[in-house]
Amino acid sequence: MLVALYVALAHGPGGPAPGPKTFQIVLRGGRLVSSPAIFDAVEGDVVTLAVLSDKPATLHVHEYEQQFVVTLDPGEQALSTFAANRAGRFAVHVMGIDPSHPEVAAILVHPR
């Protein structure tokens, strides 16, 4: 009972439970066609992005740029994993298709 109460309080009402997360991203023409557009994680989670694009591009997560850049080959799923070691909202951008480098999704990392 105490463990359940701790877990509930640790991630707040309606927030995600701590633990590994895998999120699917499907892009067509550099735009998100899958959902959701906001991925919820908890600080310390191991996050995997599984990305499928119809065009060659590069995907990166702001604030994780040095560690997290994914090359996308058309029609091939790219998997990339990182530790969500900072709380905050981190934009996921696609480069190489649209010159505006649009934000296609965001990762919302809740404090532990």
PDB file of N, CA and C in Angstrom:
ATOM      1  N   MET A   1       0.819  -1.186   0.000  1.00  0.00           N
ATOM      2  CA  MET A   1       0.000   0.000   0.000  1.00  0.00           C
ATOM      3  C   MET A   1       0.867   1.256   0.000  1.00  0.00           C
ATOM      4  N   LEU A   2       1.895   1.287   0.818  1.00  0.00           N
ATOM      5  CA  LEU A   2       2.772   2.453   0.862  1.00  0.00           C
ATOM      6  C   LEU A   2       3.513   2.642  -0.456  1.00  0.00           C
ATOM      7  N   VAL A   3       3.877   1.541  -1.103  1.00  0.00           N
ATOM      8  CA  VAL A   3       4.563   1.642  -2.394  1.00  0.00           C
ATOM      9  C   VAL A   3       3.643   2.282  -3.419  1.00  0.00           C
ATOM     10  N   ALA A   4       2.390   1.875  -3.476  1.00  0.00           N
ATOM     11  CA  ALA A   4       1.421   2.448  -4.423  1.00  0.00           C
ATOM     12  C   ALA A   4       1.226   3.937  -4.152  1.00  0.00           C
ATOM     13  N   LEU A   5       1.157   4.322  -2.884  1.00  0.00           N
ATOM     14  CA  LEU A   5       1.006   5.727  -2.534  1.00  0.00           C
ATOM     15  C   LEU A   5       2.234   6.522  -2.970  1.00  0.00           C
ATOM     16  N   TYR A   6       3.421   5.970  -2.757  1.00  0.00           N
ATOM     17  CA  TYR A   6       4.656   6.642  -3.177  1.00  0.00           C
ATOM     18  C   TYR A   6       4.676   6.847  -4.686  1.00  0.00           C
ATOM     19  N   VAL A   7       4.344   5.812  -5.446  1.00  0.00           N
ATOM     20  CA  VAL A   7       4.330   5.906  -6.905  1.00  0.00           C
ATOM     21  C   VAL A   7       3.328   6.962  -7.349  1.00  0.00           C
ATOM     22  N   ALA A   8       2.145   6.983  -6.742  1.00  0.00           N
ATOM     23  CA  ALA A   8       1.124   7.971  -7.107  1.00  0.00           C
ATOM     24  C   ALA A   8       1.604   9.382  -6.814  1.00  0.00           C
ATOM     25  N   LEU A   9       2.241   9.588  -5.679  1.00  0.00           N
ATOM     26  CA  LEU A   9       2.713  10.921  -5.321  1.00  0.00           C
ATOM     27  C   LEU A   9       3.952  11.324  -6.112  1.00  0.00           C
ATOM     28  N   ALA A  10       4.775  10.364  -6.487  1.00  0.00           N
ATOM     29  CA  ALA A  10       6.020  10.657  -7.185  1.00  0.00           C
ATOM     30  C   ALA A  10       5.779  11.249  -8.554  1.00  0.00           C
ATOM     31  N   HIS A  11       4.741  10.815  -9.245  1.00  0.00           N
ATOM     32  CA  HIS A  11       4.519  11.352 -10.583  1.00  0.00           C
ATOM     33  C   HIS A  11       3.255  12.191 -10.673  1.00  0.00           C
ATOM     34  N   GLY A  12       2.618  12.437  -9.556  1.00  0.00           N
ATOM     35  CA  GLY A  12       1.469  13.341  -9.532  1.00  0.00           C
ATOM     36  C   GLY A  12       0.253  12.739 -10.197  1.00  0.00           C
ATOM     37  N   PRO A  13      -0.908  13.336  -9.955  1.00  0.00           N
ATOM     38  CA  PRO A  13      -2.128  12.812 -10.531  1.00  0.00           C
ATOM     39  C   PRO A  13      -2.126  12.969 -12.043  1.00  0.00           C
ATOM     40  N   GLY A  14      -2.374  11.874 -12.731  1.00  0.00           N
ATOM     41  CA  GLY A  14      -2.458  11.923 -14.179  1.00  0.00           C
ATOM     42  C   GLY A  14      -1.123  11.965 -14.890  1.00  0.00           C
ATOM     43  N   GLY A  15       0.000  12.014 -14.168  1.00  0.00           N
ATOM     44  CA  GLY A  15       1.316  12.037 -14.800  1.00  0.00           C
ATOM     45  C   GLY A  15       1.776  10.635 -15.150  1.00  0.00           C
ATOM     46  N   PRO A  16       2.844  10.536 -15.898  1.00  0.00           N
ATOM     47  CA  PRO A  16       3.340   9.216 -16.289  1.00  0.00           C
ATOM     48  C   PRO A  16       4.044   8.511 -15.133  1.00  0.00           C
ATOM     49  N   ALA A  17       4.009   7.211 -15.148  1.00  0.00           N
ATOM     50  CA  ALA A  17       4.761   6.424 -14.176  1.00  0.00           C
ATOM     51  C   ALA A  17       6.226   6.381 -14.619  1.00  0.00           C
ATOM     52  N   PRO A  18       7.160   6.404 -13.683  1.00  0.00           N
ATOM     53  CA  PRO A  18       8.564   6.288 -14.068  1.00  0.00           C
ATOM     54  C   PRO A  18       8.838   4.941 -14.720  1.00  0.00           C
ATOM     55  N   GLY A  19       9.785   4.909 -15.620  1.00  0.00           N
ATOM     56  CA  GLY A  19      10.179   3.669 -16.279  1.00  0.00           C
ATOM     57  C   GLY A  19      10.515   3.901 -17.735  1.00  0.00           C
ATOM     58  N   PRO A  20      11.082   2.901 -18.393  1.00  0.00           N
ATOM     59  CA  PRO A  20      11.461   3.051 -19.800  1.00  0.00           C
ATOM     60  C   PRO A  20      10.247   3.393 -20.663  1.00  0.00           C
ATOM     61  N   LYS A  21      10.475   4.246 -21.665  1.00  0.00           N
ATOM     62  CA  LYS A  21       9.400   4.668 -22.561  1.00  0.00           C
ATOM     63  C   LYS A  21       9.858   4.482 -24.011  1.00  0.00           C
ATOM     64  N   THR A  22       8.965   4.026 -24.868  1.00  0.00           N
ATOM     65  CA  THR A  22       9.212   3.966 -26.304  1.00  0.00           C
ATOM     66  C   THR A  22       8.098   4.728 -26.998  1.00  0.00           C
ATOM     67  N   PHE A  23       8.478   5.659 -27.862  1.00  0.00           N
ATOM     68  CA  PHE A  23       7.512   6.481 -28.587  1.00  0.00           C
ATOM     69  C   PHE A  23       7.707   6.292 -30.081  1.00  0.00           C
ATOM     70  N   GLN A  24       6.600   6.181 -30.797  1.00  0.00           N
ATOM     71  CA  GLN A  24       6.603   6.014 -32.251  1.00  0.00           C
ATOM     72  C   GLN A  24       6.394   7.369 -32.917  1.00  0.00           C
ATOM     73  N   ILE A  25       7.214   7.675 -33.909  1.00  0.00           N
ATOM     74  CA  ILE A  25       7.057   8.888 -34.705  1.00  0.00           C
ATOM     75  C   ILE A  25       7.020   8.473 -36.166  1.00  0.00           C
ATOM     76  N   VAL A  26       5.949   8.852 -36.872  1.00  0.00           N
ATOM     77  CA  VAL A  26       5.846   8.592 -38.310  1.00  0.00           C
ATOM     78  C   VAL A  26       5.754   9.942 -39.008  1.00  0.00           C
ATOM     79  N   LEU A  27       6.658  10.144 -39.972  1.00  0.00           N
ATOM     80  CA  LEU A  27       6.727  11.407 -40.703  1.00  0.00           C
ATOM     81  C   LEU A  27       6.426  11.192 -42.177  1.00  0.00           C
ATOM     82  N   ARG A  28       5.650  12.100 -42.751  1.00  0.00           N
ATOM     83  CA  ARG A  28       5.432  12.138 -44.200  1.00  0.00           C
ATOM     84  C   ARG A  28       5.689  13.566 -44.649  1.00  0.00           C
ATOM     85  N   GLY A  29       6.617  13.702 -45.575  1.00  0.00           N
ATOM     86  CA  GLY A  29       6.960  15.031 -46.050  1.00  0.00           C
ATOM     87  C   GLY A  29       7.491  15.935 -44.948  1.00  0.00           C
ATOM     88  N   GLY A  30       8.097  15.348 -43.937  1.00  0.00           N
ATOM     89  CA  GLY A  30       8.654  16.121 -42.829  1.00  0.00           C
ATOM     90  C   GLY A  30       7.644  16.547 -41.787  1.00  0.00           C
ATOM     91  N   ARG A  31       6.431  16.040 -41.870  1.00  0.00           N
ATOM     92  CA  ARG A  31       5.365  16.387 -40.915  1.00  0.00           C
ATOM     93  C   ARG A  31       4.928  15.141 -40.155  1.00  0.00           C
ATOM     94  N   LEU A  32       4.558  15.326 -38.905  1.00  0.00           N
ATOM     95  CA  LEU A  32       4.088  14.238 -38.060  1.00  0.00           C
ATOM     96  C   LEU A  32       2.713  13.763 -38.527  1.00  0.00           C
ATOM     97  N   VAL A  33       2.577  12.457 -38.786  1.00  0.00           N
ATOM     98  CA  VAL A  33       1.272  11.895 -39.147  1.00  0.00           C
ATOM     99  C   VAL A  33       0.808  10.871 -38.115  1.00  0.00           C
ATOM    100  N   SER A  34       1.621  10.629 -37.099  1.00  0.00           N
ATOM    101  CA  SER A  34       1.227   9.744 -36.000  1.00  0.00           C
ATOM    102  C   SER A  34       0.861  10.618 -34.808  1.00  0.00           C
ATOM    103  N   SER A  35       0.377   9.984 -33.759  1.00  0.00           N
ATOM    104  CA  SER A  35       0.060  10.743 -32.557  1.00  0.00           C
ATOM    105  C   SER A  35       0.464   9.908 -31.349  1.00  0.00           C
ATOM    106  N   PRO A  36       0.656  10.510 -30.220  1.00  0.00           N
ATOM    107  CA  PRO A  36       0.466  11.922 -29.884  1.00  0.00           C
ATOM    108  C   PRO A  36       1.654  12.761 -30.350  1.00  0.00           C
ATOM    109  N   ALA A  37       1.517  14.067 -30.236  1.00  0.00           N
ATOM    110  CA  ALA A  37       2.598  14.983 -30.582  1.00  0.00           C
ATOM    111  C   ALA A  37       3.432  15.350 -29.355  1.00  0.00           C
ATOM    112  N   ILE A  38       2.907  15.081 -28.171  1.00  0.00           N
ATOM    113  CA  ILE A  38       3.635  15.324 -26.919  1.00  0.00           C
ATOM    114  C   ILE A  38       3.865  13.975 -26.243  1.00  0.00           C
ATOM    115  N   PHE A  39       5.126  13.678 -25.964  1.00  0.00           N
ATOM    116  CA  PHE A  39       5.490  12.422 -25.320  1.00  0.00           C
ATOM    117  C   PHE A  39       5.856  12.714 -23.876  1.00  0.00           C
ATOM    118  N   ASP A  40       5.184  12.057 -22.941  1.00  0.00           N
ATOM    119  CA  ASP A  40       5.432  12.268 -21.517  1.00  0.00           C
ATOM    120  C   ASP A  40       6.412  11.237 -20.979  1.00  0.00           C
ATOM    121  N   ALA A  41       7.399  11.724 -20.236  1.00  0.00           N
ATOM    122  CA  ALA A  41       8.383  10.869 -19.580  1.00  0.00           C
ATOM    123  C   ALA A  41       8.654  11.464 -18.200  1.00  0.00           C
ATOM    124  N   VAL A  42       9.394  10.727 -17.396  1.00  0.00           N
ATOM    125  CA  VAL A  42       9.779  11.181 -16.062  1.00  0.00           C
ATOM    126  C   VAL A  42      11.301  11.290 -16.032  1.00  0.00           C
ATOM    127  N   GLU A  43      11.794  12.310 -15.368  1.00  0.00           N
ATOM    128  CA  GLU A  43      13.232  12.506 -15.243  1.00  0.00           C
ATOM    129  C   GLU A  43      13.899  11.206 -14.815  1.00  0.00           C
ATOM    130  N   GLY A  44      14.933  10.805 -15.553  1.00  0.00           N
ATOM    131  CA  GLY A  44      15.633   9.559 -15.277  1.00  0.00           C
ATOM    132  C   GLY A  44      15.178   8.402 -16.152  1.00  0.00           C
ATOM    133  N   ASP A  45      14.041   8.552 -16.841  1.00  0.00           N
ATOM    134  CA  ASP A  45      13.569   7.488 -17.741  1.00  0.00           C
ATOM    135  C   ASP A  45      14.540   7.287 -18.895  1.00  0.00           C
ATOM    136  N   VAL A  46      14.585   6.069 -19.388  1.00  0.00           N
ATOM    137  CA  VAL A  46      15.272   5.775 -20.637  1.00  0.00           C
ATOM    138  C   VAL A  46      14.210   5.872 -21.724  1.00  0.00           C
ATOM    139  N   VAL A  47      14.433   6.773 -22.684  1.00  0.00           N
ATOM    140  CA  VAL A  47      13.460   7.049 -23.732  1.00  0.00           C
ATOM    141  C   VAL A  47      13.999   6.535 -25.065  1.00  0.00           C
ATOM    142  N   THR A  48      13.176   5.785 -25.774  1.00  0.00           N
ATOM    143  CA  THR A  48      13.517   5.322 -27.116  1.00  0.00           C
ATOM    144  C   THR A  48      12.536   5.934 -28.094  1.00  0.00           C
ATOM    145  N   LEU A  49      13.074   6.525 -29.159  1.00  0.00           N
ATOM    146  CA  LEU A  49      12.245   7.017 -30.246  1.00  0.00           C
ATOM    147  C   LEU A  49      12.397   6.053 -31.418  1.00  0.00           C
ATOM    148  N   ALA A  50      11.265   5.583 -31.927  1.00  0.00           N
ATOM    149  CA  ALA A  50      11.225   4.733 -33.113  1.00  0.00           C
ATOM    150  C   ALA A  50      10.638   5.606 -34.217  1.00  0.00           C
ATOM    151  N   VAL A  51      11.463   5.953 -35.199  1.00  0.00           N
ATOM    152  CA  VAL A  51      11.084   6.962 -36.187  1.00  0.00           C
ATOM    153  C   VAL A  51      11.065   6.359 -37.582  1.00  0.00           C
ATOM    154  N   LEU A  52       9.981   6.639 -38.310  1.00  0.00           N
ATOM    155  CA  LEU A  52       9.836   6.203 -39.694  1.00  0.00           C
ATOM    156  C   LEU A  52       9.529   7.435 -40.533  1.00  0.00           C
ATOM    157  N   SER A  53      10.308   7.646 -41.581  1.00  0.00           N
ATOM    158  CA  SER A  53      10.134   8.815 -42.452  1.00  0.00           C
ATOM    159  C   SER A  53      10.084   8.362 -43.908  1.00  0.00           C
ATOM    160  N   ASP A  54       9.317   9.085 -44.714  1.00  0.00           N
ATOM    161  CA  ASP A  54       9.261   8.765 -46.144  1.00  0.00           C
ATOM    162  C   ASP A  54      10.334   9.514 -46.936  1.00  0.00           C
ATOM    163  N   LYS A  55      11.082  10.391 -46.277  1.00  0.00           N
ATOM    164  CA  LYS A  55      12.133  11.168 -46.945  1.00  0.00           C
ATOM    165  C   LYS A  55      13.397  11.142 -46.095  1.00  0.00           C
ATOM    166  N   PRO A  56      14.566  11.273 -46.729  1.00  0.00           N
ATOM    167  CA  PRO A  56      15.796  11.338 -45.934  1.00  0.00           C
ATOM    168  C   PRO A  56      15.817  12.633 -45.120  1.00  0.00           C
ATOM    169  N   ALA A  57      16.259  12.535 -43.894  1.00  0.00           N
ATOM    170  CA  ALA A  57      16.268  13.702 -43.007  1.00  0.00           C
ATOM    171  C   ALA A  57      17.123  13.391 -41.788  1.00  0.00           C
ATOM    172  N   THR A  58      17.193  14.368 -40.908  1.00  0.00           N
ATOM    173  CA  THR A  58      17.838  14.210 -39.611  1.00  0.00           C
ATOM    174  C   THR A  58      16.860  14.689 -38.558  1.00  0.00           C
ATOM    175  N   LEU A  59      16.721  13.911 -37.507  1.00  0.00           N
ATOM    176  CA  LEU A  59      15.845  14.282 -36.400  1.00  0.00           C
ATOM    177  C   LEU A  59      16.728  14.600 -35.204  1.00  0.00           C
ATOM    178  N   HIS A  60      16.400  15.655 -34.485  1.00  0.00           N
ATOM    179  CA  HIS A  60      17.147  15.921 -33.254  1.00  0.00           C
ATOM    180  C   HIS A  60      16.224  16.486 -32.198  1.00  0.00           C
ATOM    181  N   VAL A  61      16.635  16.282 -30.955  1.00  0.00           N
ATOM    182  CA  VAL A  61      15.888  16.754 -29.801  1.00  0.00           C
ATOM    183  C   VAL A  61      16.667  17.920 -29.209  1.00  0.00           C
ATOM    184  N   HIS A  62      16.054  19.098 -29.158  1.00  0.00           N
ATOM    185  CA  HIS A  62      16.727  20.268 -28.574  1.00  0.00           C
ATOM    186  C   HIS A  62      17.102  19.983 -27.126  1.00  0.00           C
ATOM    187  N   GLU A  63      18.199  20.533 -26.708  1.00  0.00           N
ATOM    188  CA  GLU A  63      18.792  20.354 -25.387  1.00  0.00           C
ATOM    189  C   GLU A  63      19.453  18.985 -25.239  1.00  0.00           C
ATOM    190  N   TYR A  64      19.251  18.099 -26.176  1.00  0.00           N
ATOM    191  CA  TYR A  64      19.947  16.812 -26.192  1.00  0.00           C
ATOM    192  C   TYR A  64      20.709  16.681 -27.503  1.00  0.00           C
ATOM    193  N   GLU A  65      20.928  17.810 -28.184  1.00  0.00           N
ATOM    194  CA  GLU A  65      21.496  17.799 -29.528  1.00  0.00           C
ATOM    195  C   GLU A  65      22.817  17.046 -29.610  1.00  0.00           C
ATOM    196  N   GLN A  66      23.705  17.274 -28.683  1.00  0.00           N
ATOM    197  CA  GLN A  66      25.016  16.650 -28.778  1.00  0.00           C
ATOM    198  C   GLN A  66      24.932  15.137 -28.629  1.00  0.00           C
ATOM    199  N   GLN A  67      23.943  14.673 -27.874  1.00  0.00           N
ATOM    200  CA  GLN A  67      23.813  13.244 -27.634  1.00  0.00           C
ATOM    201  C   GLN A  67      22.780  12.600 -28.543  1.00  0.00           C
ATOM    202  N   PHE A  68      21.870  13.398 -29.092  1.00  0.00           N
ATOM    203  CA  PHE A  68      20.687  12.808 -29.701  1.00  0.00           C
ATOM    204  C   PHE A  68      20.398  13.394 -31.074  1.00  0.00           C
ATOM    205  N   VAL A  69      21.028  12.821 -32.089  1.00  0.00           N
ATOM    206  CA  VAL A  69      20.776  13.167 -33.480  1.00  0.00           C
ATOM    207  C   VAL A  69      20.567  11.850 -34.211  1.00  0.00           C
ATOM    208  N   VAL A  70      19.477  11.764 -34.969  1.00  0.00           N
ATOM    209  CA  VAL A  70      19.122  10.510 -35.636  1.00  0.00           C
ATOM    210  C   VAL A  70      19.052  10.740 -37.142  1.00  0.00           C
ATOM    211  N   THR A  71      19.791   9.941 -37.893  1.00  0.00           N
ATOM    212  CA  THR A  71      19.720   9.980 -39.350  1.00  0.00           C
ATOM    213  C   THR A  71      18.548   9.120 -39.792  1.00  0.00           C
ATOM    214  N   LEU A  72      17.707   9.689 -40.657  1.00  0.00           N
ATOM    215  CA  LEU A  72      16.519   8.982 -41.126  1.00  0.00           C
ATOM    216  C   LEU A  72      16.686   8.620 -42.597  1.00  0.00           C
ATOM    217  N   ASP A  73      16.589   7.341 -42.889  1.00  0.00           N
ATOM    218  CA  ASP A  73      16.599   6.849 -44.259  1.00  0.00           C
ATOM    219  C   ASP A  73      15.171   6.497 -44.638  1.00  0.00           C
ATOM    220  N   PRO A  74      14.725   6.881 -45.835  1.00  0.00           N
ATOM    221  CA  PRO A  74      13.332   6.657 -46.228  1.00  0.00           C
ATOM    222  C   PRO A  74      12.909   5.189 -46.095  1.00  0.00           C
ATOM    223  N   GLY A  75      11.759   4.997 -45.442  1.00  0.00           N
ATOM    224  CA  GLY A  75      11.177   3.671 -45.323  1.00  0.00           C
ATOM    225  C   GLY A  75      11.842   2.747 -44.321  1.00  0.00           C
ATOM    226  N   GLU A  76      12.883   3.198 -43.638  1.00  0.00           N
ATOM    227  CA  GLU A  76      13.576   2.374 -42.646  1.00  0.00           C
ATOM    228  C   GLU A  76      13.366   2.960 -41.256  1.00  0.00           C
ATOM    229  N   GLN A  77      12.926   2.114 -40.329  1.00  0.00           N
ATOM    230  CA  GLN A  77      12.721   2.600 -38.968  1.00  0.00           C
ATOM    231  C   GLN A  77      14.069   2.844 -38.297  1.00  0.00           C
ATOM    232  N   ALA A  78      14.222   4.028 -37.722  1.00  0.00           N
ATOM    233  CA  ALA A  78      15.416   4.372 -36.956  1.00  0.00           C
ATOM    234  C   ALA A  78      15.060   4.322 -35.483  1.00  0.00           C
ATOM    235  N   LEU A  79      15.877   3.652 -34.703  1.00  0.00           N
ATOM    236  CA  LEU A  79      15.692   3.578 -33.250  1.00  0.00           C
ATOM    237  C   LEU A  79      16.837   4.320 -32.581  1.00  0.00           C
ATOM    238  N   SER A  80      16.503   5.144 -31.619  1.00  0.00           N
ATOM    239  CA  SER A  80      17.528   5.832 -30.861  1.00  0.00           C
ATOM    240  C   SER A  80      17.058   6.004 -29.420  1.00  0.00           C
ATOM    241  N   THR A  81      17.988   5.825 -28.507  1.00  0.00           N
ATOM    242  CA  THR A  81      17.662   5.826 -27.076  1.00  0.00           C
ATOM    243  C   THR A  81      18.534   6.836 -26.349  1.00  0.00           C
ATOM    244  N   PHE A  82      17.935   7.503 -25.376  1.00  0.00           N
ATOM    245  CA  PHE A  82      18.685   8.438 -24.543  1.00  0.00           C
ATOM    246  C   PHE A  82      18.080   8.450 -23.151  1.00  0.00           C
ATOM    247  N   ALA A  83      18.852   8.952 -22.192  1.00  0.00           N
ATOM    248  CA  ALA A  83      18.370   9.115 -20.818  1.00  0.00           C
ATOM    249  C   ALA A  83      17.779  10.513 -20.687  1.00  0.00           C
ATOM    250  N   ALA A  84      16.551  10.586 -20.228  1.00  0.00           N
ATOM    251  CA  ALA A  84      15.885  11.877 -19.998  1.00  0.00           C
ATOM    252  C   ALA A  84      16.379  12.413 -18.658  1.00  0.00           C
ATOM    253  N   ASN A  85      17.564  13.001 -18.678  1.00  0.00           N
ATOM    254  CA  ASN A  85      18.216  13.374 -17.423  1.00  0.00           C
ATOM    255  C   ASN A  85      17.914  14.795 -16.959  1.00  0.00           C
ATOM    256  N   ARG A  86      17.054  15.512 -17.689  1.00  0.00           N
ATOM    257  CA  ARG A  86      16.654  16.852 -17.256  1.00  0.00           C
ATOM    258  C   ARG A  86      15.154  17.013 -17.453  1.00  0.00           C
ATOM    259  N   ALA A  87      14.492  17.622 -16.472  1.00  0.00           N
ATOM    260  CA  ALA A  87      13.061  17.902 -16.599  1.00  0.00           C
ATOM    261  C   ALA A  87      12.873  19.123 -17.490  1.00  0.00           C
ATOM    262  N   GLY A  88      11.763  19.134 -18.222  1.00  0.00           N
ATOM    263  CA  GLY A  88      11.443  20.271 -19.077  1.00  0.00           C
ATOM    264  C   GLY A  88      10.749  19.810 -20.346  1.00  0.00           C
ATOM    265  N   ARG A  89      10.498  20.765 -21.234  1.00  0.00           N
ATOM    266  CA  ARG A  89       9.890  20.462 -22.536  1.00  0.00           C
ATOM    267  C   ARG A  89      10.983  20.578 -23.591  1.00  0.00           C
ATOM    268  N   PHE A  90      11.148  19.528 -24.367  1.00  0.00           N
ATOM    269  CA  PHE A  90      12.214  19.475 -25.348  1.00  0.00           C
ATOM    270  C   PHE A  90      11.618  19.217 -26.732  1.00  0.00           C
ATOM    271  N   ALA A  91      11.856  20.163 -27.634  1.00  0.00           N
ATOM    272  CA  ALA A  91      11.290  20.090 -28.978  1.00  0.00           C
ATOM    273  C   ALA A  91      12.020  19.045 -29.820  1.00  0.00           C
ATOM    274  N   VAL A  92      11.254  18.320 -30.629  1.00  0.00           N
ATOM    275  CA  VAL A  92      11.789  17.354 -31.580  1.00  0.00           C
ATOM    276  C   VAL A  92      11.652  17.986 -32.969  1.00  0.00           C
ATOM    277  N   HIS A  93      12.780  18.208 -33.641  1.00  0.00           N
ATOM    278  CA  HIS A  93      12.797  18.874 -34.940  1.00  0.00           C
ATOM    279  C   HIS A  93      13.294  17.941 -36.024  1.00  0.00           C
ATOM    280  N   VAL A  94      12.826  18.199 -37.252  1.00  0.00           N
ATOM    281  CA  VAL A  94      13.304  17.474 -38.431  1.00  0.00           C
ATOM    282  C   VAL A  94      14.060  18.467 -39.304  1.00  0.00           C
ATOM    283  N   MET A  95      15.242  18.061 -39.734  1.00  0.00           N
ATOM    284  CA  MET A  95      16.053  18.902 -40.603  1.00  0.00           C
ATOM    285  C   MET A  95      16.311  18.166 -41.908  1.00  0.00           C
ATOM    286  N   GLY A  96      16.392  18.925 -42.996  1.00  0.00           N
ATOM    287  CA  GLY A  96      16.748  18.341 -44.275  1.00  0.00           C
ATOM    288  C   GLY A  96      15.587  18.163 -45.232  1.00  0.00           C
ATOM    289  N   ILE A  97      14.369  18.471 -44.822  1.00  0.00           N
ATOM    290  CA  ILE A  97      13.214  18.360 -45.709  1.00  0.00           C
ATOM    291  C   ILE A  97      12.629  19.741 -45.953  1.00  0.00           C
ATOM    292  N   ASP A  98      12.269  20.412 -44.874  1.00  0.00           N
ATOM    293  CA  ASP A  98      11.656  21.742 -44.927  1.00  0.00           C
ATOM    294  C   ASP A  98      12.685  22.731 -44.385  1.00  0.00           C
ATOM    295  N   PRO A  99      12.976  23.811 -45.130  1.00  0.00           N
ATOM    296  CA  PRO A  99      13.998  24.749 -44.653  1.00  0.00           C
ATOM    297  C   PRO A  99      13.678  25.405 -43.309  1.00  0.00           C
ATOM    298  N   SER A 100      12.415  25.348 -42.878  1.00  0.00           N
ATOM    299  CA  SER A 100      12.067  25.946 -41.584  1.00  0.00           C
ATOM    300  C   SER A 100      12.392  25.028 -40.407  1.00  0.00           C
ATOM    301  N   HIS A 101      12.828  23.789 -40.691  1.00  0.00           N
ATOM    302  CA  HIS A 101      13.164  22.821 -39.632  1.00  0.00           C
ATOM    303  C   HIS A 101      12.039  22.726 -38.599  1.00  0.00           C
ATOM    304  N   PRO A 102      10.867  22.266 -39.011  1.00  0.00           N
ATOM    305  CA  PRO A 102       9.694  22.317 -38.127  1.00  0.00           C
ATOM    306  C   PRO A 102       9.813  21.419 -36.895  1.00  0.00           C
ATOM    307  N   GLU A 103       9.186  21.888 -35.847  1.00  0.00           N
ATOM    308  CA  GLU A 103       9.007  21.043 -34.666  1.00  0.00           C
ATOM    309  C   GLU A 103       7.897  20.053 -35.009  1.00  0.00           C
ATOM    310  N   VAL A 104       8.180  18.768 -34.877  1.00  0.00           N
ATOM    311  CA  VAL A 104       7.181  17.748 -35.210  1.00  0.00           C
ATOM    312  C   VAL A 104       6.568  17.119 -33.974  1.00  0.00           C
ATOM    313  N   ALA A 105       7.241  17.261 -32.846  1.00  0.00           N
ATOM    314  CA  ALA A 105       6.735  16.686 -31.588  1.00  0.00           C
ATOM    315  C   ALA A 105       7.523  17.347 -30.454  1.00  0.00           C
ATOM    316  N   ALA A 106       7.192  16.948 -29.236  1.00  0.00           N
ATOM    317  CA  ALA A 106       7.937  17.426 -28.068  1.00  0.00           C
ATOM    318  C   ALA A 106       7.962  16.324 -27.024  1.00  0.00           C
ATOM    319  N   ILE A 107       9.013  16.306 -26.255  1.00  0.00           N
ATOM    320  CA  ILE A 107       9.126  15.373 -25.132  1.00  0.00           C
ATOM    321  C   ILE A 107       8.996  16.216 -23.870  1.00  0.00           C
ATOM    322  N   LEU A 108       7.999  15.898 -23.068  1.00  0.00           N
ATOM    323  CA  LEU A 108       7.770  16.598 -21.808  1.00  0.00           C
ATOM    324  C   LEU A 108       8.275  15.695 -20.695  1.00  0.00           C
ATOM    325  N   VAL A 109       9.386  16.098 -20.086  1.00  0.00           N
ATOM    326  CA  VAL A 109      10.014  15.307 -19.028  1.00  0.00           C
ATOM    327  C   VAL A 109       9.605  15.916 -17.689  1.00  0.00           C
ATOM    328  N   HIS A 110       8.814  15.141 -16.937  1.00  0.00           N
ATOM    329  CA  HIS A 110       8.340  15.580 -15.628  1.00  0.00           C
ATOM    330  C   HIS A 110       9.407  15.343 -14.579  1.00  0.00           C
ATOM    331  N   PRO A 111       9.527  16.230 -13.583  1.00  0.00           N
ATOM    332  CA  PRO A 111      10.514  15.999 -12.513  1.00  0.00           C
ATOM    333  C   PRO A 111      10.171  14.729 -11.741  1.00  0.00           C
ATOM    334  N   ARG A 112      11.201  14.061 -11.287  1.00  0.00           N
ATOM    335  CA  ARG A 112      10.997  12.824 -10.512  1.00  0.00           C
ATOM    336  C   ARG A 112      10.530  13.187  -9.129  1.00  0.00           C
TER     337      ARG A 112
END
